Every structure is written in C-alpha cells, then in structure tokens.
Amino acid sequence: MSDQCLPLDQPAALHLDNQLCFALYSASLMMTKAYKPLLEKLGLTYPQYLVMLILWEKDGIGLKDIAERLITESGALTPVLKRLEQQGLLTRQRIPDNERALEIKLTKEGKALQQQAFAVLQQIGLACGMELTELVRLRTELQQLRDRIATSLNAG
C-alpha cells in the first residue's frame, strides 16, 4: 500500500470518515436498509434473498456450495434454510451418496418468486441514483477488493 492512500498526519488517519472499512460497512448498512421494505413484500429477509439468488442461478446445489458462495459457514445458513423451507420456497434433502451433505432445491413457489424479485433489483438500482455503467464499475471494483483481501489473508 502506498503512503499516498493515507492522510499525511497520523491523527487524521484515524478519523472514522477516513476509514475504508467504515465506508464499506456504512454503505452495506444503507444497502440492507434499502432492501428491507422491498424484500418484506416478498416475505424474505436479506440473508434469505441471498440464498434465493444463488438458487435462481443454479438450482439443486449443496449446502456447502451455498455457504462457499456467501463466504460463510454452513451452520450459519441452517436457520435461514429451515425458514425458507417452512415458507415452502425450497426443500432440503440428504444426498444419497453422502448422507452428511444436503442438496437444496427450489419448489414451484420458490421458482415463481424470481419474477417478483426482479422488481427489487430495479428499485435498488433507482435508490442508488447511479447510471448502470457506474454501478457495474463499482460492483467490479468491490469484487476485486474482496478477492485481493481474500488472497492476502490466504497468503498469510
């Protein structure tokens, strides 16, 4: 990291508004707050929505694969998946070849919810107040940042 990224004086470097971590954290909080009323109309929480996005992309995948995509532990997803199953949006089944593994599949109702979720995406785009090209660039930069940090953590 170059010194040009940091304010010159040490006290200013420690101001909250000069922290990249806080900019990311607070932007994430605002994004989640923007999603909340939109997802409530679908009967989903934000973590449930993330799981559904993965299943709409590729149905019938393992719990381990979902956890990996969300960069979380499988156990943390269990309550989320149970609730989605209770809502009739997905099923959880043991994989015959591996009794310890779970396969997650969308139900008819879960698949049908995808069309309604597209409206959420449109509303969030409007809430951001940015052109599509700006949003795509920002998303790409954040993904690159995430991957660089992961590489750095794995190297250490």
Protein backbone atom coordinates (compact mmCIF):
# COMPACT_ATOMS: atom_id res chain seq x y z
CA MET A 1 0.00 0.00 0.00
CA SER A 2 1.36 3.38 -0.91
CA ASP A 3 1.63 6.24 1.59
CA GLN A 4 -0.36 8.36 -0.86
CA CYS A 5 -3.52 6.49 0.22
CA LEU A 6 -3.24 7.71 3.80
CA PRO A 7 -3.65 11.24 5.18
CA LEU A 8 -0.28 12.76 5.99
CA ASP A 9 -0.80 13.31 9.71
CA GLN A 10 -1.34 10.34 11.96
CA PRO A 11 -4.36 11.64 13.95
CA ALA A 12 -6.30 12.35 10.73
CA ALA A 13 -5.51 8.83 9.52
CA LEU A 14 -7.55 7.52 12.44
CA HIS A 15 -10.67 9.62 11.80
CA LEU A 16 -13.70 7.45 11.21
CA ASP A 17 -14.54 9.08 7.87
CA ASN A 18 -11.03 8.30 6.59
CA GLN A 19 -11.52 4.55 7.10
CA LEU A 20 -12.22 2.38 4.08
CA CYS A 21 -13.71 -0.25 6.39
CA PHE A 22 -16.28 2.23 7.70
CA ALA A 23 -17.20 3.43 4.21
CA LEU A 24 -17.84 -0.20 3.21
CA TYR A 25 -19.65 -1.02 6.45
CA SER A 26 -21.93 2.01 6.38
CA ALA A 27 -22.68 1.58 2.66
CA SER A 28 -23.58 -2.05 3.37
CA LEU A 29 -25.92 -0.97 6.18
CA MET A 30 -27.65 1.54 3.90
CA MET A 31 -27.96 -1.04 1.13
CA THR A 32 -29.53 -3.54 3.52
CA LYS A 33 -31.88 -0.83 4.80
CA ALA A 34 -32.95 -0.05 1.22
CA TYR A 35 -33.62 -3.75 0.54
CA LYS A 36 -35.62 -4.37 3.73
CA PRO A 37 -39.04 -2.96 2.73
CA LEU A 38 -38.75 -4.38 -0.77
CA LEU A 39 -37.91 -7.86 0.48
CA GLU A 40 -40.64 -7.74 3.13
CA LYS A 41 -43.14 -7.61 0.25
CA LEU A 42 -41.68 -10.94 -0.91
CA GLY A 43 -41.66 -12.37 2.61
CA LEU A 44 -37.85 -12.58 2.63
CA THR A 45 -35.08 -11.33 4.85
CA TYR A 46 -31.84 -10.16 3.26
CA PRO A 47 -29.94 -13.42 4.07
CA GLN A 48 -32.86 -15.42 2.64
CA TYR A 49 -32.77 -13.29 -0.50
CA LEU A 50 -29.07 -14.03 -0.98
CA VAL A 51 -29.75 -17.77 -0.75
CA MET A 52 -32.61 -17.46 -3.23
CA LEU A 53 -30.38 -15.55 -5.66
CA ILE A 54 -27.93 -18.45 -5.62
CA LEU A 55 -30.69 -21.00 -6.18
CA TRP A 56 -32.25 -18.98 -9.01
CA GLU A 57 -28.82 -19.03 -10.62
CA LYS A 58 -28.30 -22.77 -10.07
CA ASP A 59 -30.99 -24.91 -8.52
CA GLY A 60 -30.29 -28.19 -6.76
CA ILE A 61 -26.90 -27.44 -5.23
CA GLY A 62 -25.30 -28.47 -1.99
CA LEU A 63 -25.42 -26.56 1.26
CA LYS A 64 -21.63 -26.43 1.21
CA ASP A 65 -21.72 -24.72 -2.20
CA ILE A 66 -24.18 -22.10 -0.99
CA ALA A 67 -22.06 -21.40 2.09
CA GLU A 68 -18.96 -21.06 -0.08
CA ARG A 69 -20.67 -18.57 -2.41
CA LEU A 70 -21.83 -16.49 0.57
CA ILE A 71 -18.43 -16.70 2.26
CA THR A 72 -19.96 -18.12 5.43
CA GLU A 73 -20.19 -21.34 7.42
CA SER A 74 -22.80 -23.98 6.58
CA GLY A 75 -24.10 -23.93 10.15
CA ALA A 76 -24.90 -20.23 9.89
CA LEU A 77 -27.22 -20.99 6.97
CA THR A 78 -29.23 -23.71 8.67
CA PRO A 79 -31.81 -21.38 10.30
CA VAL A 80 -32.13 -19.40 7.05
CA LEU A 81 -32.75 -22.56 5.02
CA LYS A 82 -35.17 -24.00 7.58
CA ARG A 83 -37.25 -20.83 7.44
CA LEU A 84 -37.27 -20.84 3.63
CA GLU A 85 -38.34 -24.48 3.74
CA GLN A 86 -41.16 -23.64 6.20
CA GLN A 87 -42.27 -20.92 3.78
CA GLY A 88 -42.48 -23.56 1.05
CA LEU A 89 -39.78 -21.97 -1.12
CA LEU A 90 -37.22 -24.78 -1.05
CA THR A 91 -36.55 -28.33 0.06
CA ARG A 92 -33.53 -29.76 1.84
CA GLN A 93 -32.65 -33.37 1.06
CA ARG A 94 -29.81 -35.63 2.06
CA ILE A 95 -27.63 -36.67 -0.88
CA PRO A 96 -27.85 -40.49 -1.19
CA ASP A 97 -24.13 -40.95 -1.87
CA ASN A 98 -23.17 -38.70 1.04
CA GLU A 99 -25.60 -38.72 3.98
CA ARG A 100 -23.78 -35.81 5.61
CA ALA A 101 -24.40 -33.49 2.65
CA LEU A 102 -27.61 -31.60 1.90
CA GLU A 103 -28.96 -30.72 -1.52
CA ILE A 104 -31.10 -27.61 -1.69
CA LYS A 105 -33.81 -27.34 -4.35
CA LEU A 106 -36.38 -24.70 -5.15
CA THR A 107 -40.06 -25.56 -5.03
CA LYS A 108 -42.52 -24.33 -7.64
CA GLU A 109 -43.29 -21.40 -5.33
CA GLY A 110 -39.61 -20.62 -4.91
CA LYS A 111 -39.10 -20.54 -8.66
CA ALA A 112 -42.15 -18.31 -9.13
CA LEU A 113 -40.78 -15.76 -6.66
CA GLN A 114 -37.89 -15.00 -9.02
CA GLN A 115 -40.08 -12.87 -11.30
CA GLN A 116 -41.21 -10.71 -8.36
CA ALA A 117 -37.61 -10.35 -7.20
CA PHE A 118 -36.66 -8.67 -10.45
CA ALA A 119 -38.66 -5.62 -9.35
CA VAL A 120 -36.47 -5.45 -6.22
CA LEU A 121 -33.37 -5.21 -8.38
CA GLN A 122 -34.90 -2.36 -10.37
CA GLN A 123 -35.88 -0.44 -7.24
CA ILE A 124 -32.43 -0.82 -5.72
CA GLY A 125 -30.89 0.47 -8.93
CA LEU A 126 -33.06 3.57 -8.66
CA ALA A 127 -32.23 4.01 -4.97
CA CYS A 128 -28.51 4.08 -5.78
CA GLY A 129 -29.01 7.08 -8.06
CA MET A 130 -26.21 5.96 -10.36
CA GLU A 131 -26.00 5.09 -14.03
CA LEU A 132 -25.84 1.39 -14.85
CA THR A 133 -22.23 1.71 -16.05
CA GLU A 134 -21.25 3.32 -12.73
CA LEU A 135 -22.98 0.56 -10.75
CA VAL A 136 -21.27 -2.16 -12.78
CA ARG A 137 -17.88 -0.49 -12.34
CA LEU A 138 -18.41 -0.10 -8.59
CA ARG A 139 -19.52 -3.73 -8.23
CA THR A 140 -16.48 -4.90 -10.19
CA GLU A 141 -14.13 -2.81 -8.04
CA LEU A 142 -15.69 -4.16 -4.84
CA GLN A 143 -15.39 -7.74 -6.10
CA GLN A 144 -11.74 -7.12 -6.94
CA LEU A 145 -11.16 -5.64 -3.49
CA ARG A 146 -12.83 -8.66 -1.86
CA ASP A 147 -10.68 -11.05 -3.91
CA ARG A 148 -7.46 -9.16 -3.12
CA ILE A 149 -8.21 -9.23 0.59
CA ALA A 150 -9.01 -12.96 0.40
CA THR A 151 -5.73 -13.60 -1.43
CA SER A 152 -3.84 -11.56 1.16
CA LEU A 153 -5.47 -13.46 4.03
CA ASN A 154 -4.79 -16.83 2.41
CA ALA A 155 -1.14 -15.91 1.80
CA GLY A 156 -0.59 -15.04 5.45
